[in-house]
Structure formats: C-alpha cells, structure tokens
Amino acid sequence: MRYVSFIHQDEAGYGISFPDFPGCVSVGDSVDAAVRLGCEALAFHVEGLRNDGERIPPPRSIDAVKADPELADWREGADLVLIPLLLDRGSSRRVNISLDRGLLEAIDDEAWQRRMTRSAFLATAARREIEGT
C-alpha cells in the first residue's frame, strides 16, 4: 500500500507530509532522506492510530489528491511521491521460498560477511527494495 506525500523544499531542508494523514510530517537533508524518513514517520503515525483504535484511511490516488480543492494550497510547489506503508508486526513468520542455488549461495555469503542471518539479510533487502532506497 502506498500513500501520496508532498515534498517541499525550504531553508531547513526537504519536508515531507501526507494529505491522508494531517500532522504526519518529517524533514530530511535531501529528497532521498526525506523519503526514507517519511516511510518511518508514516509507519509510526499509522501504528499510533491503530493503537488508539482509529480508522486507517485507504490510500488515495495521485489523481484524487490533485483533484482535491482543499489541498490546493498544500500542494503548491510540492513534488508528489508515493510512500510505501511498511508496518512491523513484531513477530516473524516462517515461509517457504525457492531460489536459484547460485543466488542462495551469494545471499548466504553476503549475509555472513555482514554478520547477519539469511532471514535478516533478505528482510533488509526487501525493505530497501520496497522503500526504493
């Protein structure tokens, strides 16, 4: 699930905000940092809403956000970026996957060099791929 965000640049850096989640904001030194920190801010904000029993709005499309007249001022001068919602559930789930033997050996070698388990390496790689970082 991906949510539309607005990225504005000012003297403090690059601010990121979410029209579907007023009050959910973050700032980064670069666009890439703002996106990475925006992913974290969005997950933290949604977890807070869930803990409070609040409803999580479904993501709106970019077209719907662009067509919303109430967002005209907020949108002005902003770049629109889709941010994935990645929620940590606090528990792991065993899965069965199939990989080419050579790829699996490369994964295991890289995980060993980084002092990680295979599972931790794959989870980290998947998160980076989904977040686009």
N, C-alpha and C. Protein backbone atom coordinates (compact mmCIF):
# COMPACT_ATOMS: atom_id res chain seq x y z
N MET A 1 0.85 -1.16 0.00
CA MET A 1 0.00 0.00 0.00
C MET A 1 0.90 1.24 0.00
N ARG A 2 0.62 2.18 -0.87
CA ARG A 2 1.42 3.41 -0.98
C ARG A 2 0.52 4.63 -0.82
N TYR A 3 1.03 5.62 -0.09
CA TYR A 3 0.30 6.86 0.16
C TYR A 3 1.01 8.03 -0.52
N VAL A 4 0.21 8.96 -1.02
CA VAL A 4 0.75 10.16 -1.64
C VAL A 4 1.35 11.05 -0.56
N SER A 5 2.53 11.58 -0.85
CA SER A 5 3.15 12.55 0.05
C SER A 5 3.51 13.79 -0.76
N PHE A 6 3.64 14.90 -0.04
CA PHE A 6 4.11 16.15 -0.63
C PHE A 6 5.51 16.40 -0.09
N ILE A 7 6.42 16.77 -0.97
CA ILE A 7 7.76 17.15 -0.54
C ILE A 7 7.97 18.61 -0.93
N HIS A 8 8.26 19.42 0.08
CA HIS A 8 8.54 20.84 -0.11
C HIS A 8 9.98 21.12 0.31
N GLN A 9 10.65 21.98 -0.43
CA GLN A 9 11.99 22.38 -0.04
C GLN A 9 11.95 23.78 0.55
N ASP A 10 12.66 23.95 1.67
CA ASP A 10 12.84 25.28 2.25
C ASP A 10 14.24 25.34 2.85
N GLU A 11 14.53 26.39 3.59
CA GLU A 11 15.88 26.58 4.14
C GLU A 11 16.27 25.49 5.14
N ALA A 12 15.30 24.80 5.74
CA ALA A 12 15.58 23.74 6.71
C ALA A 12 15.87 22.40 6.03
N GLY A 13 15.53 22.26 4.76
CA GLY A 13 15.74 21.00 4.05
C GLY A 13 14.52 20.64 3.25
N TYR A 14 14.21 19.37 3.23
CA TYR A 14 13.08 18.85 2.47
C TYR A 14 12.05 18.28 3.44
N GLY A 15 10.91 18.93 3.48
CA GLY A 15 9.83 18.47 4.35
C GLY A 15 8.91 17.54 3.60
N ILE A 16 8.44 16.52 4.28
CA ILE A 16 7.50 15.58 3.68
C ILE A 16 6.26 15.52 4.55
N SER A 17 5.09 15.53 3.91
CA SER A 17 3.83 15.47 4.63
C SER A 17 2.86 14.61 3.82
N PHE A 18 1.79 14.19 4.48
CA PHE A 18 0.85 13.24 3.89
C PHE A 18 -0.56 13.80 3.95
N PRO A 19 -1.19 14.06 2.79
CA PRO A 19 -2.54 14.61 2.81
C PRO A 19 -3.56 13.68 3.45
N ASP A 20 -3.34 12.37 3.43
CA ASP A 20 -4.26 11.44 4.06
C ASP A 20 -4.04 11.33 5.56
N PHE A 21 -2.94 11.90 6.06
CA PHE A 21 -2.60 11.85 7.49
C PHE A 21 -2.11 13.22 7.96
N PRO A 22 -3.00 14.20 8.11
CA PRO A 22 -2.58 15.51 8.59
C PRO A 22 -1.82 15.37 9.91
N GLY A 23 -0.70 16.07 10.00
CA GLY A 23 0.12 16.00 11.21
C GLY A 23 1.26 15.02 11.10
N CYS A 24 1.25 14.18 10.10
CA CYS A 24 2.34 13.23 9.89
C CYS A 24 3.35 13.90 8.97
N VAL A 25 4.48 14.30 9.54
CA VAL A 25 5.49 15.05 8.79
C VAL A 25 6.89 14.56 9.18
N SER A 26 7.85 14.88 8.33
CA SER A 26 9.25 14.61 8.62
C SER A 26 10.08 15.56 7.77
N VAL A 27 11.36 15.64 8.07
CA VAL A 27 12.29 16.51 7.34
C VAL A 27 13.57 15.75 7.08
N GLY A 28 14.14 15.95 5.90
CA GLY A 28 15.42 15.35 5.56
C GLY A 28 16.34 16.36 4.90
N ASP A 29 17.63 16.04 4.87
CA ASP A 29 18.62 16.93 4.25
C ASP A 29 18.57 16.85 2.72
N SER A 30 17.98 15.80 2.20
CA SER A 30 17.85 15.59 0.76
C SER A 30 16.49 14.97 0.49
N VAL A 31 16.12 14.91 -0.77
CA VAL A 31 14.86 14.26 -1.12
C VAL A 31 14.90 12.80 -0.69
N ASP A 32 16.02 12.13 -0.95
CA ASP A 32 16.13 10.72 -0.57
C ASP A 32 15.98 10.53 0.93
N ALA A 33 16.60 11.40 1.71
CA ALA A 33 16.47 11.31 3.17
C ALA A 33 15.04 11.59 3.60
N ALA A 34 14.40 12.56 2.97
CA ALA A 34 13.01 12.87 3.31
C ALA A 34 12.11 11.68 3.01
N VAL A 35 12.33 11.00 1.91
CA VAL A 35 11.53 9.82 1.57
C VAL A 35 11.77 8.71 2.58
N ARG A 36 13.03 8.44 2.92
CA ARG A 36 13.35 7.39 3.88
C ARG A 36 12.73 7.70 5.24
N LEU A 37 12.89 8.93 5.71
CA LEU A 37 12.33 9.33 6.99
C LEU A 37 10.81 9.41 6.93
N GLY A 38 10.28 9.74 5.75
CA GLY A 38 8.83 9.75 5.56
C GLY A 38 8.24 8.36 5.70
N CYS A 39 8.94 7.35 5.21
CA CYS A 39 8.49 5.96 5.38
C CYS A 39 8.38 5.63 6.86
N GLU A 40 9.39 6.02 7.62
CA GLU A 40 9.38 5.75 9.06
C GLU A 40 8.27 6.53 9.76
N ALA A 41 8.11 7.80 9.40
CA ALA A 41 7.08 8.64 10.02
C ALA A 41 5.68 8.10 9.73
N LEU A 42 5.46 7.67 8.49
CA LEU A 42 4.15 7.13 8.12
C LEU A 42 3.84 5.87 8.93
N ALA A 43 4.79 4.95 9.02
CA ALA A 43 4.58 3.72 9.78
C ALA A 43 4.31 4.04 11.26
N PHE A 44 5.08 4.95 11.83
CA PHE A 44 4.90 5.33 13.23
C PHE A 44 3.52 5.95 13.45
N HIS A 45 3.12 6.82 12.54
CA HIS A 45 1.82 7.50 12.65
C HIS A 45 0.67 6.49 12.56
N VAL A 46 0.75 5.57 11.61
CA VAL A 46 -0.31 4.57 11.44
C VAL A 46 -0.36 3.64 12.65
N GLU A 47 0.78 3.25 13.17
CA GLU A 47 0.79 2.40 14.37
C GLU A 47 0.09 3.12 15.53
N GLY A 48 0.35 4.42 15.67
CA GLY A 48 -0.31 5.21 16.71
C GLY A 48 -1.82 5.25 16.53
N LEU A 49 -2.26 5.44 15.29
CA LEU A 49 -3.69 5.43 15.01
C LEU A 49 -4.31 4.08 15.35
N ARG A 50 -3.64 3.02 14.98
CA ARG A 50 -4.15 1.67 15.28
C ARG A 50 -4.23 1.43 16.78
N ASN A 51 -3.18 1.85 17.49
CA ASN A 51 -3.18 1.68 18.94
C ASN A 51 -4.32 2.44 19.60
N ASP A 52 -4.70 3.56 18.99
CA ASP A 52 -5.80 4.37 19.52
C ASP A 52 -7.16 3.92 19.01
N GLY A 53 -7.19 2.86 18.19
CA GLY A 53 -8.44 2.35 17.65
C GLY A 53 -9.02 3.20 16.53
N GLU A 54 -8.20 4.05 15.95
CA GLU A 54 -8.66 4.93 14.86
C GLU A 54 -8.68 4.17 13.53
N ARG A 55 -9.50 4.63 12.63
CA ARG A 55 -9.60 4.07 11.29
C ARG A 55 -8.41 4.55 10.45
N ILE A 56 -7.84 3.64 9.66
CA ILE A 56 -6.75 3.98 8.75
C ILE A 56 -7.37 4.24 7.38
N PRO A 57 -7.21 5.46 6.86
CA PRO A 57 -7.84 5.75 5.57
C PRO A 57 -7.17 4.97 4.44
N PRO A 58 -7.95 4.56 3.47
CA PRO A 58 -7.34 3.90 2.31
C PRO A 58 -6.53 4.94 1.52
N PRO A 59 -5.49 4.50 0.85
CA PRO A 59 -4.69 5.47 0.08
C PRO A 59 -5.48 6.02 -1.10
N ARG A 60 -5.32 7.32 -1.30
CA ARG A 60 -5.92 7.95 -2.47
C ARG A 60 -4.91 7.94 -3.61
N SER A 61 -5.42 7.97 -4.81
CA SER A 61 -4.55 8.03 -5.99
C SER A 61 -3.97 9.44 -6.12
N ILE A 62 -2.92 9.55 -6.89
CA ILE A 62 -2.33 10.87 -7.17
C ILE A 62 -3.38 11.76 -7.84
N ASP A 63 -4.15 11.19 -8.77
CA ASP A 63 -5.19 11.98 -9.45
C ASP A 63 -6.22 12.51 -8.46
N ALA A 64 -6.61 11.69 -7.49
CA ALA A 64 -7.59 12.13 -6.49
C ALA A 64 -7.02 13.24 -5.62
N VAL A 65 -5.76 13.13 -5.26
CA VAL A 65 -5.13 14.16 -4.44
C VAL A 65 -5.00 15.45 -5.24
N LYS A 66 -4.62 15.35 -6.50
CA LYS A 66 -4.51 16.53 -7.35
C LYS A 66 -5.86 17.21 -7.57
N ALA A 67 -6.93 16.43 -7.58
CA ALA A 67 -8.27 16.98 -7.83
C ALA A 67 -8.93 17.53 -6.58
N ASP A 68 -8.36 17.32 -5.41
CA ASP A 68 -8.97 17.76 -4.16
C ASP A 68 -8.72 19.26 -3.97
N PRO A 69 -9.77 20.09 -4.06
CA PRO A 69 -9.58 21.54 -3.97
C PRO A 69 -9.10 21.98 -2.58
N GLU A 70 -9.38 21.19 -1.55
CA GLU A 70 -8.93 21.55 -0.21
C GLU A 70 -7.42 21.43 -0.04
N LEU A 71 -6.76 20.76 -0.97
CA LEU A 71 -5.31 20.56 -0.89
C LEU A 71 -4.53 21.51 -1.80
N ALA A 72 -5.22 22.41 -2.48
CA ALA A 72 -4.56 23.27 -3.48
C ALA A 72 -3.39 24.04 -2.88
N ASP A 73 -3.59 24.69 -1.74
CA ASP A 73 -2.50 25.47 -1.13
C ASP A 73 -1.37 24.56 -0.65
N TRP A 74 -1.73 23.44 -0.07
CA TRP A 74 -0.76 22.49 0.47
C TRP A 74 0.10 21.88 -0.65
N ARG A 75 -0.54 21.65 -1.81
CA ARG A 75 0.13 21.05 -2.97
C ARG A 75 1.07 22.02 -3.67
N GLU A 76 0.80 23.29 -3.54
CA GLU A 76 1.54 24.29 -4.31
C GLU A 76 3.04 24.18 -4.10
N GLY A 77 3.77 24.03 -5.19
CA GLY A 77 5.22 23.94 -5.16
C GLY A 77 5.77 22.60 -4.66
N ALA A 78 4.89 21.65 -4.45
CA ALA A 78 5.33 20.36 -3.90
C ALA A 78 5.58 19.34 -5.01
N ASP A 79 6.51 18.46 -4.74
CA ASP A 79 6.66 17.25 -5.55
C ASP A 79 5.81 16.18 -4.89
N LEU A 80 5.15 15.37 -5.68
CA LEU A 80 4.33 14.29 -5.15
C LEU A 80 5.11 12.98 -5.27
N VAL A 81 5.16 12.25 -4.16
CA VAL A 81 5.89 10.99 -4.11
C VAL A 81 5.00 9.96 -3.42
N LEU A 82 4.94 8.76 -3.97
CA LEU A 82 4.22 7.66 -3.33
C LEU A 82 5.14 7.00 -2.31
N ILE A 83 4.66 6.88 -1.08
CA ILE A 83 5.44 6.32 0.02
C ILE A 83 4.80 5.00 0.46
N PRO A 84 5.59 3.93 0.53
CA PRO A 84 5.01 2.65 0.96
C PRO A 84 4.77 2.63 2.46
N LEU A 85 3.70 1.99 2.86
CA LEU A 85 3.40 1.77 4.27
C LEU A 85 3.91 0.38 4.64
N LEU A 86 4.97 0.34 5.44
CA LEU A 86 5.55 -0.92 5.90
C LEU A 86 5.42 -0.97 7.41
N LEU A 87 4.56 -1.85 7.90
CA LEU A 87 4.33 -1.96 9.33
C LEU A 87 5.04 -3.19 9.88
N ASP A 88 5.83 -2.98 10.92
CA ASP A 88 6.44 -4.11 11.62
C ASP A 88 5.40 -4.69 12.56
N ARG A 89 5.21 -5.99 12.50
CA ARG A 89 4.21 -6.66 13.33
C ARG A 89 4.81 -7.22 14.61
N GLY A 90 6.14 -7.18 14.74
CA GLY A 90 6.77 -7.62 15.98
C GLY A 90 6.98 -9.11 16.07
N SER A 91 6.63 -9.84 15.03
CA SER A 91 6.89 -11.28 15.05
C SER A 91 7.23 -11.73 13.64
N SER A 92 8.05 -12.75 13.58
CA SER A 92 8.44 -13.30 12.29
C SER A 92 7.52 -14.45 11.91
N ARG A 93 7.43 -14.68 10.64
CA ARG A 93 6.64 -15.80 10.13
C ARG A 93 7.53 -16.63 9.21
N ARG A 94 7.54 -17.91 9.44
CA ARG A 94 8.33 -18.82 8.61
C ARG A 94 7.62 -18.96 7.26
N VAL A 95 8.40 -18.84 6.18
CA VAL A 95 7.87 -19.00 4.83
C VAL A 95 8.77 -19.94 4.04
N ASN A 96 8.23 -20.52 3.03
CA ASN A 96 8.99 -21.40 2.16
C ASN A 96 9.10 -20.72 0.81
N ILE A 97 10.34 -20.44 0.37
CA ILE A 97 10.56 -19.80 -0.92
C ILE A 97 11.56 -20.65 -1.71
N SER A 98 11.56 -20.47 -3.00
CA SER A 98 12.51 -21.17 -3.86
C SER A 98 13.41 -20.14 -4.52
N LEU A 99 14.72 -20.39 -4.48
CA LEU A 99 15.71 -19.50 -5.10
C LEU A 99 16.71 -20.35 -5.87
N ASP A 100 17.26 -19.79 -6.89
CA ASP A 100 18.34 -20.44 -7.60
C ASP A 100 19.48 -20.72 -6.62
N ARG A 101 20.10 -21.89 -6.73
CA ARG A 101 21.16 -22.29 -5.80
C ARG A 101 22.32 -21.28 -5.79
N GLY A 102 22.69 -20.77 -6.96
CA GLY A 102 23.77 -19.78 -7.02
C GLY A 102 23.40 -18.49 -6.31
N LEU A 103 22.16 -18.04 -6.48
CA LEU A 103 21.70 -16.84 -5.79
C LEU A 103 21.68 -17.06 -4.29
N LEU A 104 21.22 -18.22 -3.86
CA LEU A 104 21.18 -18.53 -2.44
C LEU A 104 22.58 -18.53 -1.83
N GLU A 105 23.56 -19.08 -2.56
CA GLU A 105 24.95 -19.06 -2.08
C GLU A 105 25.46 -17.63 -1.96
N ALA A 106 25.13 -16.79 -2.95
CA ALA A 106 25.56 -15.39 -2.90
C ALA A 106 24.90 -14.67 -1.72
N ILE A 107 23.63 -14.95 -1.48
CA ILE A 107 22.92 -14.35 -0.34
C ILE A 107 23.57 -14.77 0.96
N ASP A 108 23.85 -16.06 1.10
CA ASP A 108 24.47 -16.56 2.32
C ASP A 108 25.86 -15.97 2.53
N ASP A 109 26.65 -15.86 1.46
CA ASP A 109 27.99 -15.26 1.58
C ASP A 109 27.90 -13.81 2.03
N GLU A 110 27.00 -13.06 1.40
CA GLU A 110 26.85 -11.64 1.75
C GLU A 110 26.33 -11.49 3.17
N ALA A 111 25.36 -12.29 3.55
CA ALA A 111 24.82 -12.23 4.91
C ALA A 111 25.91 -12.54 5.92
N TRP A 112 26.73 -13.55 5.65
CA TRP A 112 27.82 -13.93 6.56
C TRP A 112 28.82 -12.79 6.71
N GLN A 113 29.18 -12.14 5.59
CA GLN A 113 30.13 -11.02 5.64
C GLN A 113 29.57 -9.85 6.47
N ARG A 114 28.27 -9.68 6.44
CA ARG A 114 27.64 -8.59 7.20
C ARG A 114 27.22 -9.01 8.60
N ARG A 115 27.57 -10.25 8.96
CA ARG A 115 27.21 -10.80 10.27
C ARG A 115 25.70 -10.78 10.50
N MET A 116 24.99 -11.22 9.46
CA MET A 116 23.53 -11.28 9.51
C MET A 116 23.08 -12.71 9.24
N THR A 117 21.87 -13.01 9.66
CA THR A 117 21.27 -14.26 9.24
C THR A 117 20.74 -14.09 7.82
N ARG A 118 20.48 -15.22 7.18
CA ARG A 118 19.88 -15.18 5.85
C ARG A 118 18.55 -14.43 5.91
N SER A 119 17.74 -14.73 6.91
CA SER A 119 16.42 -14.09 7.03
C SER A 119 16.56 -12.58 7.21
N ALA A 120 17.48 -12.15 8.07
CA ALA A 120 17.67 -10.71 8.29
C ALA A 120 18.14 -10.03 7.02
N PHE A 121 19.05 -10.68 6.29
CA PHE A 121 19.55 -10.11 5.05
C PHE A 121 18.42 -9.95 4.03
N LEU A 122 17.61 -11.01 3.85
CA LEU A 122 16.51 -10.95 2.90
C LEU A 122 15.46 -9.91 3.29
N ALA A 123 15.17 -9.82 4.58
CA ALA A 123 14.19 -8.83 5.05
C ALA A 123 14.70 -7.41 4.81
N THR A 124 15.98 -7.18 5.08
CA THR A 124 16.57 -5.86 4.86
C THR A 124 16.56 -5.51 3.38
N ALA A 125 16.93 -6.47 2.53
CA ALA A 125 16.94 -6.23 1.09
C ALA A 125 15.53 -5.95 0.56
N ALA A 126 14.55 -6.71 1.05
CA ALA A 126 13.17 -6.50 0.60
C ALA A 126 12.67 -5.12 1.04
N ARG A 127 12.96 -4.74 2.29
CA ARG A 127 12.52 -3.43 2.78
C ARG A 127 13.14 -2.31 1.93
N ARG A 128 14.41 -2.41 1.64
CA ARG A 128 15.08 -1.38 0.81
C ARG A 128 14.47 -1.32 -0.59
N GLU A 129 14.15 -2.46 -1.14
CA GLU A 129 13.57 -2.50 -2.48
C GLU A 129 12.18 -1.88 -2.48
N ILE A 130 11.38 -2.20 -1.49
CA ILE A 130 10.02 -1.65 -1.40
C ILE A 130 10.06 -0.15 -1.16
N GLU A 131 10.96 0.29 -0.28
CA GLU A 131 11.07 1.72 0.03
C GLU A 131 11.72 2.50 -1.10
N GLY A 132 12.41 1.81 -2.00
CA GLY A 132 13.08 2.48 -3.10
C GLY A 132 14.36 3.16 -2.70
N THR A 133 15.00 2.67 -1.62
CA THR A 133 16.26 3.28 -1.17
C THR A 133 17.44 2.41 -1.49
